[in-house]
Amino acid sequence: MSDAFRELLKLVGSGAHTSKHLTRAQAAAATAMMLQQEATPAQIGAFMIAHRIKRPTSEELVGLLDTYNRLGPNLTPIGAEPPIVFGIPYDGRSRSAPFAPLTALILTAAKYPAILHGGRRMPTKYGVPLVDLWQALGVDWTPLSLACTQQVFQQTRLGFVYQPQHFPLAEALVSYREQIGKRPPLATLELVWAPYRGEVLMVSGYVHPPTEERLQQTCLLEGGYRRLVTVKGLEGSCDLPRDRTGIICIHPMQPGLEPERLLSHPRDFGMDGSEIAVVPTAEWGDRIRAVLAGGGGEWQQAALWNGGFYLWQVGLCATLAEGIERAEALLSSGQVQQQLQRLQGAVERAKGAAEAALGGV
């Protein structure tokens, strides 16, 4: 048993009237003790559920981030632009079809760097994770070391940090999520974690309005973000809805500057429609390939709506309307399909080089 961890647990787990918030340093220390298994399983489980009930403060979340940044994986810069990093719930999607991989392909086809991160199927939703979607497109990130992933990022401007392979300390805590049956504060942390050594443009999906303000304050305290974009997206993701007005907020990462609230009306751009229901992963891959080939119907509309919005947000287009036009041009010209082929080739070369190196040892 860790006596030091027990003292921190007593602070957050003393009940509604007597529990106390942790300082940034205390939250960072508690996270390190959990990741490094210095706390016992009973202590870790108790801390996770108590911290969830209390609700983490922004100062506590940035303490968690400090430890993730210190102990976790980080891709390194490949150019001057701050990459766009998508903070998407690790437990995936179970109702609506995801578009983040295609959005990332559109952005990187336009030469803007993008980073995603996630894990395997995990509680509480056990929805389809990003890594499964990539595999359906012929891109298997799972065996790549961080060094190999960096090579792919360098060659294609697209990187994917896979928790089981690149951050086993955090992966070891997934079993606690299964056992407590609730998302712990670590799940909120993942929405603003940027596994990158440098400034980033952070995009965070959320469901509940209080989460948005908490994410903003966390990023302000952390200080490594060029800008934060919060999206009340589909199932807490960064995918924009098409059956209702999208609620987005642009948070300048400078104290004293007010956030800019955006209300995106899909109907104003001819992009409105019913949300696309989740389909089996293999079928999802077929549908995305149809979009890349120039068709896809409603799937293409969703791709243009999301791709156009993020082309605008990274500054490649002056307006959302121009972003949609640029996304359509990238798809119709075959540039996004070519980007997928480049990515497939880069991943296969990285795997081959790694295997050859192991064979020569």
Protein backbone atom coordinates (compact mmCIF):
# COMPACT_ATOMS: atom_id res chain seq x y z
CA MET A 1 0.00 0.00 0.00
CA SER A 2 1.17 3.54 -0.76
CA ASP A 3 0.82 5.81 2.25
CA ALA A 4 1.41 8.86 0.04
CA PHE A 5 -1.37 7.84 -2.31
CA ARG A 6 -3.70 7.12 0.60
CA GLU A 7 -3.38 10.73 1.75
CA LEU A 8 -4.38 11.97 -1.71
CA LEU A 9 -7.25 9.48 -1.82
CA LYS A 10 -8.53 10.78 1.51
CA LEU A 11 -8.70 14.29 0.08
CA VAL A 12 -10.91 13.41 -2.92
CA GLY A 13 -12.86 10.59 -1.28
CA SER A 14 -14.17 12.18 1.92
CA GLY A 15 -17.69 12.86 0.71
CA ALA A 16 -19.71 15.74 -0.72
CA HIS A 17 -19.13 18.11 2.20
CA THR A 18 -15.57 17.39 3.26
CA SER A 19 -13.70 16.27 0.12
CA LYS A 20 -11.08 18.68 -1.21
CA HIS A 21 -9.66 19.46 -4.61
CA LEU A 22 -6.10 18.45 -5.36
CA THR A 23 -3.46 20.92 -6.40
CA ARG A 24 -1.86 20.52 -9.82
CA ALA A 25 1.21 18.92 -8.24
CA GLN A 26 -0.90 16.53 -6.14
CA ALA A 27 -2.96 15.46 -9.16
CA ALA A 28 0.23 14.87 -11.15
CA ALA A 29 1.67 12.79 -8.30
CA ALA A 30 -1.50 10.72 -7.96
CA THR A 31 -1.54 10.01 -11.70
CA ALA A 32 2.09 8.92 -11.66
CA MET A 33 1.47 6.56 -8.75
CA MET A 34 -1.47 5.00 -10.61
CA LEU A 35 0.35 4.66 -13.92
CA GLN A 36 3.43 3.18 -12.27
CA GLN A 37 1.30 0.87 -10.09
CA GLU A 38 2.77 2.28 -6.88
CA ALA A 39 -0.79 2.50 -5.56
CA THR A 40 -2.60 -0.77 -4.89
CA PRO A 41 -5.51 -1.93 -7.07
CA ALA A 42 -7.94 -1.11 -4.26
CA GLN A 43 -6.51 2.39 -3.98
CA ILE A 44 -6.59 2.99 -7.75
CA GLY A 45 -10.20 1.84 -8.11
CA ALA A 46 -11.29 3.88 -5.12
CA PHE A 47 -9.52 6.99 -6.42
CA MET A 48 -11.06 6.69 -9.89
CA ILE A 49 -14.64 6.42 -8.66
CA ALA A 50 -14.20 9.03 -5.92
CA HIS A 51 -12.62 11.47 -8.35
CA ARG A 52 -15.45 10.91 -10.82
CA ILE A 53 -18.10 11.55 -8.16
CA LYS A 54 -16.33 14.70 -6.98
CA ARG A 55 -15.70 15.82 -10.59
CA PRO A 56 -12.17 16.90 -11.50
CA THR A 57 -11.25 20.56 -11.56
CA SER A 58 -9.26 22.08 -14.42
CA GLU A 59 -6.23 22.35 -12.13
CA GLU A 60 -6.49 18.64 -11.38
CA LEU A 61 -6.87 17.79 -15.07
CA VAL A 62 -3.78 19.76 -15.99
CA GLY A 63 -1.92 17.87 -13.27
CA LEU A 64 -3.01 14.63 -14.94
CA LEU A 65 -1.82 16.06 -18.26
CA ASP A 66 1.57 16.93 -16.76
CA THR A 67 2.14 13.28 -15.92
CA TYR A 68 0.84 12.02 -19.27
CA ASN A 69 3.22 14.41 -21.01
CA ARG A 70 6.11 13.24 -18.84
CA LEU A 71 5.53 9.48 -18.92
CA GLY A 72 3.61 9.07 -22.16
CA PRO A 73 4.60 8.97 -25.85
CA ASN A 74 5.13 12.08 -27.94
CA LEU A 75 5.55 12.58 -31.67
CA THR A 76 8.08 15.25 -32.61
CA PRO A 77 7.60 18.23 -34.94
CA ILE A 78 7.97 17.75 -38.69
CA GLY A 79 7.41 21.37 -39.73
CA ALA A 80 6.42 24.82 -38.58
CA GLU A 81 2.64 24.30 -38.56
CA PRO A 82 1.08 23.22 -35.28
CA PRO A 83 -0.63 19.90 -36.10
CA ILE A 84 -4.33 19.50 -35.50
CA VAL A 85 -4.93 16.92 -32.77
CA PHE A 86 -8.35 15.30 -32.42
CA GLY A 87 -9.52 14.47 -28.89
CA ILE A 88 -12.09 11.73 -29.38
CA PRO A 89 -13.55 9.43 -26.69
CA TYR A 90 -11.51 6.24 -26.55
CA ASP A 91 -14.59 4.06 -26.05
CA GLY A 92 -15.66 4.74 -29.62
CA ARG A 93 -18.98 5.04 -31.38
CA SER A 94 -22.02 2.79 -31.10
CA ARG A 95 -24.84 4.73 -32.83
CA SER A 96 -23.47 6.92 -35.62
CA ALA A 97 -20.89 6.36 -38.35
CA PRO A 98 -17.49 7.98 -37.59
CA PHE A 99 -15.66 10.23 -40.06
CA ALA A 100 -12.47 11.23 -38.22
CA PRO A 101 -10.10 9.03 -40.29
CA LEU A 102 -11.48 10.47 -43.53
CA THR A 103 -11.27 14.00 -42.14
CA ALA A 104 -7.62 13.37 -41.27
CA LEU A 105 -6.97 12.08 -44.80
CA ILE A 106 -8.57 15.20 -46.31
CA LEU A 107 -6.46 17.50 -44.13
CA THR A 108 -3.20 15.69 -44.83
CA ALA A 109 -4.00 15.48 -48.55
CA ALA A 110 -4.06 19.30 -48.31
CA LYS A 111 -0.58 19.10 -46.66
CA TYR A 112 -1.75 19.97 -43.14
CA PRO A 113 -0.46 17.65 -40.35
CA ALA A 114 -2.96 15.74 -38.23
CA ILE A 115 -2.63 13.46 -35.19
CA LEU A 116 -5.16 11.07 -33.74
CA HIS A 117 -4.84 8.77 -30.74
CA GLY A 118 -6.86 6.00 -29.14
CA GLY A 119 -6.90 2.40 -28.04
CA ARG A 120 -8.69 -0.89 -28.48
CA ARG A 121 -12.38 -1.46 -27.75
CA MET A 122 -12.86 -0.28 -24.23
CA PRO A 123 -15.47 0.50 -21.62
CA THR A 124 -17.90 1.91 -21.05
CA LYS A 125 -19.39 1.99 -24.53
CA TYR A 126 -17.20 -0.64 -26.25
CA GLY A 127 -17.91 1.19 -29.51
CA VAL A 128 -15.81 0.93 -32.64
CA PRO A 129 -12.38 2.49 -31.97
CA LEU A 130 -10.35 4.48 -34.46
CA VAL A 131 -7.75 1.74 -34.89
CA ASP A 132 -10.40 -0.67 -36.21
CA LEU A 133 -11.57 1.91 -38.72
CA TRP A 134 -8.02 2.41 -39.99
CA GLN A 135 -7.63 -1.34 -40.37
CA ALA A 136 -10.80 -1.38 -42.49
CA LEU A 137 -9.01 1.08 -44.80
CA GLY A 138 -5.92 -1.13 -45.03
CA VAL A 139 -3.85 0.80 -42.51
CA ASP A 140 -2.72 -1.25 -39.50
CA TRP A 141 -1.13 1.01 -36.90
CA THR A 142 -1.15 -1.62 -34.14
CA PRO A 143 2.33 -3.19 -34.58
CA LEU A 144 4.20 0.08 -35.17
CA SER A 145 6.65 1.30 -32.56
CA LEU A 146 6.61 4.99 -31.74
CA ALA A 147 9.72 5.44 -33.87
CA CYS A 148 7.99 3.80 -36.82
CA THR A 149 4.91 5.94 -36.28
CA GLN A 150 7.16 9.01 -36.30
CA GLN A 151 8.53 7.89 -39.67
CA VAL A 152 5.00 7.59 -41.06
CA PHE A 153 4.13 11.00 -39.63
CA GLN A 154 7.23 12.47 -41.28
CA GLN A 155 6.36 10.96 -44.67
CA THR A 156 2.60 11.53 -44.73
CA ARG A 157 1.88 14.27 -42.14
CA LEU A 158 -0.52 11.83 -40.45
CA GLY A 159 0.18 10.11 -37.14
CA PHE A 160 -1.76 7.79 -34.89
CA VAL A 161 -0.66 7.09 -31.31
CA TYR A 162 -2.00 3.69 -30.27
CA GLN A 163 -2.24 3.35 -26.52
CA PRO A 164 -1.65 -0.42 -26.11
CA GLN A 165 1.58 -0.19 -28.10
CA HIS A 166 2.85 3.28 -27.24
CA PHE A 167 1.60 3.88 -23.70
CA PRO A 168 1.36 0.54 -21.86
CA LEU A 169 1.31 2.32 -18.48
CA ALA A 170 -2.02 3.92 -19.37
CA GLU A 171 -3.29 0.75 -21.04
CA ALA A 172 -2.82 -1.12 -17.76
CA LEU A 173 -5.50 1.11 -16.19
CA VAL A 174 -8.19 0.11 -18.70
CA SER A 175 -9.16 -2.89 -16.58
CA TYR A 176 -10.19 -0.48 -13.81
CA ARG A 177 -12.64 1.19 -16.19
CA GLU A 178 -14.13 -2.21 -16.84
CA GLN A 179 -14.45 -2.97 -13.16
CA ILE A 180 -15.93 0.33 -11.98
CA GLY A 181 -18.27 0.57 -14.99
CA LYS A 182 -17.86 4.34 -15.34
CA ARG A 183 -15.59 6.68 -17.22
CA PRO A 184 -12.95 8.01 -14.80
CA PRO A 185 -11.44 11.50 -15.13
CA LEU A 186 -8.74 9.94 -17.32
CA ALA A 187 -11.40 9.73 -20.04
CA THR A 188 -11.85 13.51 -19.85
CA LEU A 189 -8.09 13.96 -19.91
CA GLU A 190 -7.89 12.04 -23.20
CA LEU A 191 -10.04 14.72 -24.87
CA VAL A 192 -7.29 17.33 -24.44
CA TRP A 193 -4.15 15.19 -24.39
CA ALA A 194 -1.81 15.97 -27.28
CA PRO A 195 0.92 13.31 -27.68
CA TYR A 196 3.22 15.79 -29.40
CA ARG A 197 6.26 17.86 -28.42
CA GLY A 198 5.20 21.31 -29.50
CA GLU A 199 2.26 23.63 -29.92
CA VAL A 200 -0.92 22.12 -31.32
CA LEU A 201 -4.34 23.10 -32.57
CA MET A 202 -6.50 20.99 -30.26
CA VAL A 203 -10.00 19.83 -31.19
CA SER A 204 -12.02 18.28 -28.37
CA GLY A 205 -15.42 16.65 -28.63
CA TYR A 206 -17.81 16.76 -25.70
CA VAL A 207 -21.39 15.95 -24.68
CA HIS A 208 -22.17 17.84 -21.47
CA PRO A 209 -21.79 21.67 -21.45
CA PRO A 210 -19.81 21.82 -18.16
CA THR A 211 -17.12 19.72 -19.83
CA GLU A 212 -16.47 22.46 -22.38
CA GLU A 213 -15.51 25.10 -19.81
CA ARG A 214 -13.40 22.56 -17.91
CA LEU A 215 -11.49 21.69 -21.09
CA GLN A 216 -10.90 25.34 -21.90
CA GLN A 217 -9.49 26.13 -18.46
CA THR A 218 -7.32 23.01 -18.55
CA CYS A 219 -5.76 24.01 -21.87
CA LEU A 220 -5.16 27.56 -20.67
CA LEU A 221 -3.33 26.27 -17.61
CA GLU A 222 -1.28 23.75 -19.61
CA GLY A 223 -0.03 26.40 -22.02
CA GLY A 224 1.04 24.22 -24.96
CA TYR A 225 -1.95 24.85 -27.19
CA ARG A 226 -2.09 27.38 -30.04
CA ARG A 227 -5.87 27.16 -30.05
CA LEU A 228 -8.65 24.96 -28.71
CA VAL A 229 -11.79 24.13 -30.67
CA THR A 230 -14.56 22.44 -28.71
CA VAL A 231 -17.28 20.61 -30.64
CA LYS A 232 -20.57 19.29 -29.32
CA GLY A 233 -20.19 16.45 -31.75
CA LEU A 234 -21.81 13.12 -32.46
CA GLU A 235 -21.52 10.87 -29.39
CA GLY A 236 -18.97 13.26 -27.92
CA SER A 237 -16.70 13.04 -30.96
CA CYS A 238 -15.33 15.82 -33.17
CA ASP A 239 -17.73 14.91 -36.01
CA LEU A 240 -20.20 17.69 -36.77
CA PRO A 241 -23.92 16.83 -36.74
CA ARG A 242 -25.96 17.27 -39.92
CA ASP A 243 -29.44 16.84 -38.45
CA ARG A 244 -29.16 19.89 -36.17
CA THR A 245 -27.18 23.04 -35.65
CA GLY A 246 -23.58 22.39 -34.70
CA ILE A 247 -22.36 24.02 -31.48
CA ILE A 248 -18.69 24.94 -31.71
CA CYS A 249 -16.48 27.27 -29.71
CA ILE A 250 -13.09 28.68 -30.67
CA HIS A 251 -10.99 29.29 -27.57
CA PRO A 252 -7.97 31.57 -28.00
CA MET A 253 -5.31 30.39 -25.61
CA GLN A 254 -4.58 33.82 -24.18
CA PRO A 255 -5.97 34.98 -20.83
CA GLY A 256 -8.50 37.77 -21.19
CA LEU A 257 -9.60 36.95 -24.74
CA GLU A 258 -13.20 35.82 -25.04
CA PRO A 259 -14.08 32.55 -26.79
CA GLU A 260 -15.95 32.80 -30.09
CA ARG A 261 -19.16 30.78 -30.27
CA LEU A 262 -20.03 29.38 -33.70
CA LEU A 263 -23.39 27.92 -34.65
CA SER A 264 -23.00 25.94 -37.87
CA HIS A 265 -26.27 25.42 -39.72
CA PRO A 266 -25.85 22.56 -42.22
CA ARG A 267 -28.93 23.65 -44.16
CA ASP A 268 -27.27 26.97 -45.02
CA PHE A 269 -24.67 25.04 -47.02
CA GLY A 270 -26.86 22.27 -48.43
CA MET A 271 -25.24 19.81 -46.05
CA ASP A 272 -28.21 18.89 -43.85
CA GLY A 273 -29.49 15.34 -43.60
CA SER A 274 -30.17 12.47 -41.24
CA GLU A 275 -27.26 11.14 -39.27
CA ILE A 276 -25.75 7.99 -40.76
CA ALA A 277 -26.22 4.99 -38.50
CA VAL A 278 -23.24 2.92 -37.45
CA VAL A 279 -22.53 -0.05 -39.71
CA PRO A 280 -20.22 -3.07 -39.40
CA THR A 281 -16.60 -2.04 -39.71
CA ALA A 282 -16.01 -3.83 -43.00
CA GLU A 283 -19.02 -2.09 -44.53
CA TRP A 284 -17.77 1.23 -43.13
CA GLY A 285 -14.52 0.70 -45.02
CA ASP A 286 -16.42 -0.02 -48.25
CA ARG A 287 -18.50 3.13 -47.81
CA ILE A 288 -15.45 5.31 -47.24
CA ARG A 289 -13.71 3.83 -50.28
CA ALA A 290 -16.82 4.69 -52.32
CA VAL A 291 -16.49 8.30 -51.15
CA LEU A 292 -12.81 8.29 -52.12
CA ALA A 293 -13.79 7.00 -55.57
CA GLY A 294 -16.11 9.96 -56.11
CA GLY A 295 -19.47 8.67 -54.94
CA GLY A 296 -21.10 7.91 -51.66
CA GLY A 297 -24.28 10.01 -51.46
CA GLU A 298 -25.00 10.88 -47.83
CA TRP A 299 -21.59 9.57 -46.82
CA GLN A 300 -19.98 12.05 -49.21
CA GLN A 301 -22.07 14.89 -47.77
CA ALA A 302 -20.90 14.05 -44.25
CA ALA A 303 -17.30 13.88 -45.49
CA LEU A 304 -17.56 17.31 -47.12
CA TRP A 305 -19.23 18.87 -44.09
CA ASN A 306 -16.53 17.67 -41.71
CA GLY A 307 -13.59 18.02 -44.07
CA GLY A 308 -14.65 21.51 -45.12
CA PHE A 309 -15.07 22.69 -41.56
CA TYR A 310 -11.62 21.57 -40.46
CA LEU A 311 -9.91 22.87 -43.62
CA TRP A 312 -11.37 26.21 -42.60
CA GLN A 313 -10.31 25.89 -38.97
CA VAL A 314 -6.67 25.12 -39.73
CA GLY A 315 -6.53 28.22 -41.93
CA LEU A 316 -6.32 26.62 -45.37
CA CYS A 317 -9.60 28.29 -46.38
CA ALA A 318 -11.02 31.70 -45.52
CA THR A 319 -14.62 30.57 -45.01
CA LEU A 320 -16.57 27.40 -44.31
CA ALA A 321 -18.06 27.55 -47.81
CA GLU A 322 -14.57 27.63 -49.31
CA GLY A 323 -13.59 24.74 -47.07
CA ILE A 324 -16.43 22.60 -48.40
CA GLU A 325 -15.43 23.45 -51.97
CA ARG A 326 -11.80 22.57 -51.22
CA ALA A 327 -12.80 19.26 -49.64
CA GLU A 328 -14.89 18.42 -52.70
CA ALA A 329 -11.99 19.26 -55.02
CA LEU A 330 -9.58 17.13 -53.01
CA LEU A 331 -11.94 14.17 -53.16
CA SER A 332 -13.01 14.51 -56.79
CA SER A 333 -9.42 14.92 -58.01
CA GLY A 334 -8.36 11.70 -56.30
CA GLN A 335 -5.88 13.45 -54.00
CA VAL A 336 -7.46 12.01 -50.84
CA GLN A 337 -7.45 8.51 -52.32
CA GLN A 338 -3.78 9.01 -53.23
CA GLN A 339 -3.10 10.13 -49.66
CA LEU A 340 -4.59 6.91 -48.34
CA GLN A 341 -2.35 4.95 -50.70
CA ARG A 342 0.70 6.92 -49.50
CA LEU A 343 -0.28 6.19 -45.92
CA GLN A 344 -0.74 2.48 -46.62
CA GLY A 345 2.68 2.36 -48.27
CA ALA A 346 4.39 4.29 -45.49
CA VAL A 347 2.94 2.02 -42.81
CA GLU A 348 3.96 -1.12 -44.68
CA ARG A 349 7.49 0.21 -45.23
CA ALA A 350 7.81 1.11 -41.55
CA LYS A 351 6.67 -2.38 -40.55
CA GLY A 352 9.07 -3.97 -43.03
CA ALA A 353 12.02 -1.92 -41.80
CA ALA A 354 11.23 -2.79 -38.19
CA GLU A 355 10.96 -6.50 -39.01
CA ALA A 356 14.25 -6.39 -40.93
CA ALA A 357 15.97 -4.71 -38.01
CA LEU A 358 14.70 -7.38 -35.65
CA GLY A 359 15.82 -10.11 -38.04
CA GLY A 360 19.32 -8.67 -38.09
CA VAL A 361 19.69 -8.65 -34.33
